Amino acid sequence: MSQRPRGFWPGQGSGLVIREAHFPGRAPIDAYGDGGFRFAEMSHRGSLMVLPSGIHGWDVVSPEQFGPEVFAPVFEQAKDIEILLIGCGPELVRLDEALRQRFRDAGIMADVMSTGAAVRTLNVLLAENRAVAAALIAVE
């Protein structure tokens, strides 16, 4: 009997299929650190964006990348978001005023904090069934 290499799935040819990281639901974050997050009995390496449409991988590694384009999914779902928690890593940074105004124009209160504080606040607001979203930079 031949052994199938790990990471290969039957019926998918001979290559590994990589899909965009997405969990289609709302779930509290169980743990963070070591460059990723645990939620819904799964783990994700890298940053996350928690939106009404689900939990998505987010290709942001530092606050220097903050701009309207990296928050495009938030603006697309703005009608379902009242509060956006921005976890900017281990330290607090200030958002550019033009970006802050863009959030205000979309009806979103953006609150910048460390990733740890954002995770804790997100979990509380999810438990209260609030219209919350989060953009979380992974920390080590």
Protein backbone atom coordinates (compact mmCIF):
# COMPACT_ATOMS: atom_id res chain seq x y z
CA MET A 1 0.00 0.00 0.00
CA SER A 2 1.47 3.37 -0.99
CA GLN A 3 1.66 6.20 1.47
CA ARG A 4 0.17 9.58 0.53
CA PRO A 5 2.48 12.49 1.47
CA ARG A 6 1.23 14.71 4.31
CA GLY A 7 -0.48 17.88 3.09
CA PHE A 8 -1.87 16.24 -0.03
CA TRP A 9 -5.54 15.42 -0.29
CA PRO A 10 -7.12 12.68 -2.41
CA GLY A 11 -8.82 13.82 -5.59
CA GLN A 12 -6.88 17.09 -5.73
CA GLY A 13 -4.11 16.06 -8.11
CA SER A 14 -0.53 16.06 -7.05
CA GLY A 15 -0.28 19.49 -5.43
CA LEU A 16 -1.09 21.10 -2.14
CA VAL A 17 -4.15 23.35 -2.24
CA ILE A 18 -3.78 26.56 -0.24
CA ARG A 19 -6.94 28.50 0.49
CA GLU A 20 -7.50 31.95 1.94
CA ALA A 21 -7.77 31.65 5.72
CA HIS A 22 -11.43 32.13 6.63
CA PHE A 23 -13.71 30.90 9.43
CA PRO A 24 -17.33 31.65 8.47
CA GLY A 25 -18.68 32.66 11.86
CA ARG A 26 -18.18 34.66 15.01
CA ALA A 27 -16.03 33.15 17.74
CA PRO A 28 -14.09 34.45 20.71
CA ILE A 29 -10.30 34.36 20.55
CA ASP A 30 -9.13 31.65 22.97
CA ALA A 31 -5.41 32.50 22.89
CA TYR A 32 -2.91 34.75 21.16
CA GLY A 33 0.87 34.92 20.94
CA ASP A 34 3.65 32.92 19.29
CA GLY A 35 2.81 34.73 16.06
CA GLY A 36 -0.83 33.69 15.86
CA PHE A 37 -4.24 33.05 17.41
CA ARG A 38 -6.46 30.17 18.57
CA PHE A 39 -10.23 30.25 18.13
CA ALA A 40 -13.06 27.77 17.49
CA GLU A 41 -10.73 24.80 18.17
CA MET A 42 -8.43 25.98 15.35
CA SER A 43 -5.21 27.93 15.15
CA HIS A 44 -4.02 30.56 12.71
CA ARG A 45 -0.48 31.79 12.19
CA GLY A 46 -0.37 35.49 11.36
CA SER A 47 -2.69 38.45 11.83
CA LEU A 48 -6.50 38.26 11.82
CA MET A 49 -9.46 40.37 10.85
CA VAL A 50 -12.66 39.52 12.75
CA LEU A 51 -15.67 40.72 10.75
CA PRO A 52 -19.42 40.10 10.64
CA SER A 53 -18.72 37.74 7.69
CA GLY A 54 -16.29 35.65 9.74
CA ILE A 55 -12.67 35.49 10.80
CA HIS A 56 -10.16 36.09 8.01
CA GLY A 57 -6.38 35.98 7.70
CA TRP A 58 -4.97 39.52 7.42
CA ASP A 59 -1.66 40.26 5.69
CA VAL A 60 -0.61 43.06 8.04
CA VAL A 61 2.47 42.68 10.25
CA SER A 62 2.97 46.23 11.56
CA PRO A 63 1.01 49.46 12.09
CA GLU A 64 3.15 51.15 9.42
CA GLN A 65 0.95 49.28 6.90
CA PHE A 66 -2.25 50.92 8.15
CA GLY A 67 -4.13 52.68 5.39
CA PRO A 68 -7.58 52.55 3.79
CA GLU A 69 -6.60 49.63 1.54
CA VAL A 70 -5.75 47.22 4.38
CA PHE A 71 -9.07 48.08 6.06
CA ALA A 72 -11.11 47.68 2.84
CA PRO A 73 -13.04 44.63 4.20
CA VAL A 74 -14.10 46.73 7.22
CA PHE A 75 -15.44 49.49 4.99
CA GLU A 76 -17.24 46.91 2.81
CA GLN A 77 -19.10 45.60 5.90
CA ALA A 78 -19.47 48.96 7.67
CA LYS A 79 -23.27 48.76 7.91
CA ASP A 80 -22.85 45.80 10.31
CA ILE A 81 -20.02 47.30 12.41
CA GLU A 82 -20.33 49.88 15.19
CA ILE A 83 -16.93 49.37 16.84
CA LEU A 84 -13.61 48.38 15.29
CA LEU A 85 -10.90 47.26 17.70
CA ILE A 86 -7.45 47.64 16.19
CA GLY A 87 -4.83 45.51 17.93
CA CYS A 88 -1.58 47.06 16.76
CA GLY A 89 0.87 44.62 18.34
CA PRO A 90 2.55 45.08 21.71
CA GLU A 91 2.39 48.86 21.74
CA LEU A 92 -0.16 51.59 21.13
CA VAL A 93 0.06 53.73 17.99
CA ARG A 94 -2.05 56.63 16.78
CA LEU A 95 -4.05 56.32 13.56
CA ASP A 96 -3.52 58.85 10.82
CA GLU A 97 -6.24 61.53 11.04
CA ALA A 98 -7.46 60.91 7.46
CA LEU A 99 -8.00 57.22 8.30
CA ARG A 100 -9.76 58.11 11.56
CA GLN A 101 -12.06 60.41 9.58
CA ARG A 102 -12.77 57.67 7.06
CA PHE A 103 -13.91 55.38 9.90
CA ARG A 104 -16.10 58.16 11.32
CA ASP A 105 -17.63 58.80 7.88
CA ALA A 106 -18.46 55.08 7.68
CA GLY A 107 -20.16 55.24 11.11
CA ILE A 108 -17.47 53.13 12.79
CA MET A 109 -15.83 53.98 16.10
CA ALA A 110 -12.21 52.82 15.71
CA ASP A 111 -10.37 52.11 18.96
CA VAL A 112 -6.62 51.46 18.79
CA MET A 113 -4.95 49.39 21.51
CA SER A 114 -2.41 46.63 22.02
CA THR A 115 -3.34 43.27 20.50
CA GLY A 116 -3.81 41.71 23.94
CA ALA A 117 -6.21 44.43 25.05
CA ALA A 118 -8.08 44.20 21.73
CA VAL A 119 -8.53 40.43 22.11
CA ARG A 120 -9.89 40.78 25.65
CA THR A 121 -12.24 43.61 24.65
CA LEU A 122 -13.40 41.71 21.55
CA ASN A 123 -14.35 38.68 23.63
CA VAL A 124 -16.40 40.81 26.05
CA LEU A 125 -18.22 42.63 23.23
CA LEU A 126 -18.90 39.38 21.35
CA ALA A 127 -20.41 37.91 24.54
CA GLU A 128 -22.67 40.99 24.68
CA ASN A 129 -23.64 40.38 21.03
CA ARG A 130 -22.39 43.84 20.00
CA ALA A 131 -21.71 44.88 16.40
CA VAL A 132 -17.94 44.63 16.83
CA ALA A 133 -15.09 43.89 14.45
CA ALA A 134 -11.36 43.62 15.10
CA ALA A 135 -8.14 43.93 13.15
CA LEU A 136 -5.46 42.10 15.12
CA ILE A 137 -1.73 42.12 14.41
CA ALA A 138 -0.14 38.86 15.58
CA VAL A 139 2.38 39.11 18.41
CA GLU A 140 5.17 36.79 19.53
